[in-house]
């Protein structure tokens, strides 16, 4: 199990790109942190999630 934004989900073995699609996020407007480290967008496809990982996904919101 992987914890994403505080919710445990069964996504171990998936990469960050796959996780974003499954969870309904748009890759272009988010930042991803895995185990308290920012994951560069260029490495999303090669960053594999493992049991026990803690992931935070933050969406950018415009406004003024």
C-alpha atoms as a PDB file:
ATOM      1  CA  UNK A   1       0.000   0.000   0.000  1.00  0.00           C
ATOM      2  CA  UNK A   2       1.079   3.536  -0.810  1.00  0.00           C
ATOM      3  CA  UNK A   3      -0.270   6.557   1.055  1.00  0.00           C
ATOM      4  CA  UNK A   4      -1.299   9.334  -1.363  1.00  0.00           C
ATOM      5  CA  UNK A   5      -2.391  12.611   0.198  1.00  0.00           C
ATOM      6  CA  UNK A   6      -3.150  10.718   3.394  1.00  0.00           C
ATOM      7  CA  UNK A   7      -5.160   7.889   1.797  1.00  0.00           C
ATOM      8  CA  UNK A   8      -3.801   4.333   1.536  1.00  0.00           C
ATOM      9  CA  UNK A   9      -4.151   2.920  -1.986  1.00  0.00           C
ATOM     10  CA  UNK A  10      -2.869  -0.232  -3.680  1.00  0.00           C
ATOM     11  CA  UNK A  11      -0.488   1.320  -6.219  1.00  0.00           C
ATOM     12  CA  UNK A  12       2.815  -0.305  -5.265  1.00  0.00           C
ATOM     13  CA  UNK A  13       4.689  -1.241  -8.434  1.00  0.00           C
ATOM     14  CA  UNK A  14       3.218   1.635 -10.462  1.00  0.00           C
ATOM     15  CA  UNK A  15       5.294   4.630 -11.514  1.00  0.00           C
ATOM     16  CA  UNK A  16       4.417   8.250 -10.734  1.00  0.00           C
ATOM     17  CA  UNK A  17       2.996   8.839 -14.245  1.00  0.00           C
ATOM     18  CA  UNK A  18       0.648   5.848 -13.862  1.00  0.00           C
ATOM     19  CA  UNK A  19      -0.352   6.915 -10.352  1.00  0.00           C
ATOM     20  CA  UNK A  20      -1.282  10.412 -11.541  1.00  0.00           C
ATOM     21  CA  UNK A  21      -3.511   9.035 -14.313  1.00  0.00           C
ATOM     22  CA  UNK A  22      -5.176   6.493 -12.004  1.00  0.00           C
ATOM     23  CA  UNK A  23      -5.797   9.164  -9.363  1.00  0.00           C
ATOM     24  CA  UNK A  24      -7.149  11.655 -11.931  1.00  0.00           C
ATOM     25  CA  UNK A  25      -4.400  14.284 -11.731  1.00  0.00           C
ATOM     26  CA  UNK A  26      -3.135  16.319 -14.689  1.00  0.00           C
ATOM     27  CA  UNK A  27       0.654  15.955 -14.825  1.00  0.00           C
ATOM     28  CA  UNK A  28       1.190  19.508 -16.087  1.00  0.00           C
ATOM     29  CA  UNK A  29      -0.345  21.189 -13.068  1.00  0.00           C
ATOM     30  CA  UNK A  30       0.964  19.223 -10.097  1.00  0.00           C
ATOM     31  CA  UNK A  31       4.060  18.808  -7.987  1.00  0.00           C
ATOM     32  CA  UNK A  32       4.829  15.406  -6.462  1.00  0.00           C
ATOM     33  CA  UNK A  33       6.702  14.676  -3.261  1.00  0.00           C
ATOM     34  CA  UNK A  34       7.670  11.093  -2.380  1.00  0.00           C
ATOM     35  CA  UNK A  35       8.921  10.331   1.126  1.00  0.00           C
ATOM     36  CA  UNK A  36       9.501  14.051   1.769  1.00  0.00           C
ATOM     37  CA  UNK A  37      11.554  14.624  -1.406  1.00  0.00           C
ATOM     38  CA  UNK A  38      10.364  16.479  -4.510  1.00  0.00           C
ATOM     39  CA  UNK A  39      10.221  14.194  -7.568  1.00  0.00           C
ATOM     40  CA  UNK A  40      11.376  15.953 -10.774  1.00  0.00           C
ATOM     41  CA  UNK A  41       8.781  15.695 -13.572  1.00  0.00           C
ATOM     42  CA  UNK A  42      11.440  14.246 -15.895  1.00  0.00           C
ATOM     43  CA  UNK A  43      11.726  11.186 -13.618  1.00  0.00           C
ATOM     44  CA  UNK A  44       8.005  10.413 -13.106  1.00  0.00           C
ATOM     45  CA  UNK A  45       8.052   7.465 -15.558  1.00  0.00           C
ATOM     46  CA  UNK A  46      11.056   5.845 -13.881  1.00  0.00           C
ATOM     47  CA  UNK A  47      10.080   6.499 -10.251  1.00  0.00           C
ATOM     48  CA  UNK A  48       8.404   3.312  -9.023  1.00  0.00           C
ATOM     49  CA  UNK A  49       6.191   3.382  -5.948  1.00  0.00           C
ATOM     50  CA  UNK A  50       6.899   0.804  -3.226  1.00  0.00           C
ATOM     51  CA  UNK A  51       4.917  -0.457  -0.255  1.00  0.00           C
ATOM     52  CA  UNK A  52       5.090   2.094   2.536  1.00  0.00           C
ATOM     53  CA  UNK A  53       5.867   5.100   0.327  1.00  0.00           C
ATOM     54  CA  UNK A  54       4.196   8.355   1.333  1.00  0.00           C
ATOM     55  CA  UNK A  55       3.268  10.593  -1.599  1.00  0.00           C
ATOM     56  CA  UNK A  56       1.888  14.117  -1.580  1.00  0.00           C
ATOM     57  CA  UNK A  57       0.439  15.560  -4.787  1.00  0.00           C
ATOM     58  CA  UNK A  58      -0.128  19.310  -4.843  1.00  0.00           C
ATOM     59  CA  UNK A  59      -2.200  20.913  -7.600  1.00  0.00           C
ATOM     60  CA  UNK A  60      -1.460  24.443  -8.758  1.00  0.00           C
ATOM     61  CA  UNK A  61      -4.393  26.837  -8.664  1.00  0.00           C
ATOM     62  CA  UNK A  62      -4.446  30.205 -10.406  1.00  0.00           C
ATOM     63  CA  UNK A  63      -6.186  33.218  -9.064  1.00  0.00           C
ATOM     64  CA  UNK A  64      -5.810  36.794  -8.171  1.00  0.00           C
END
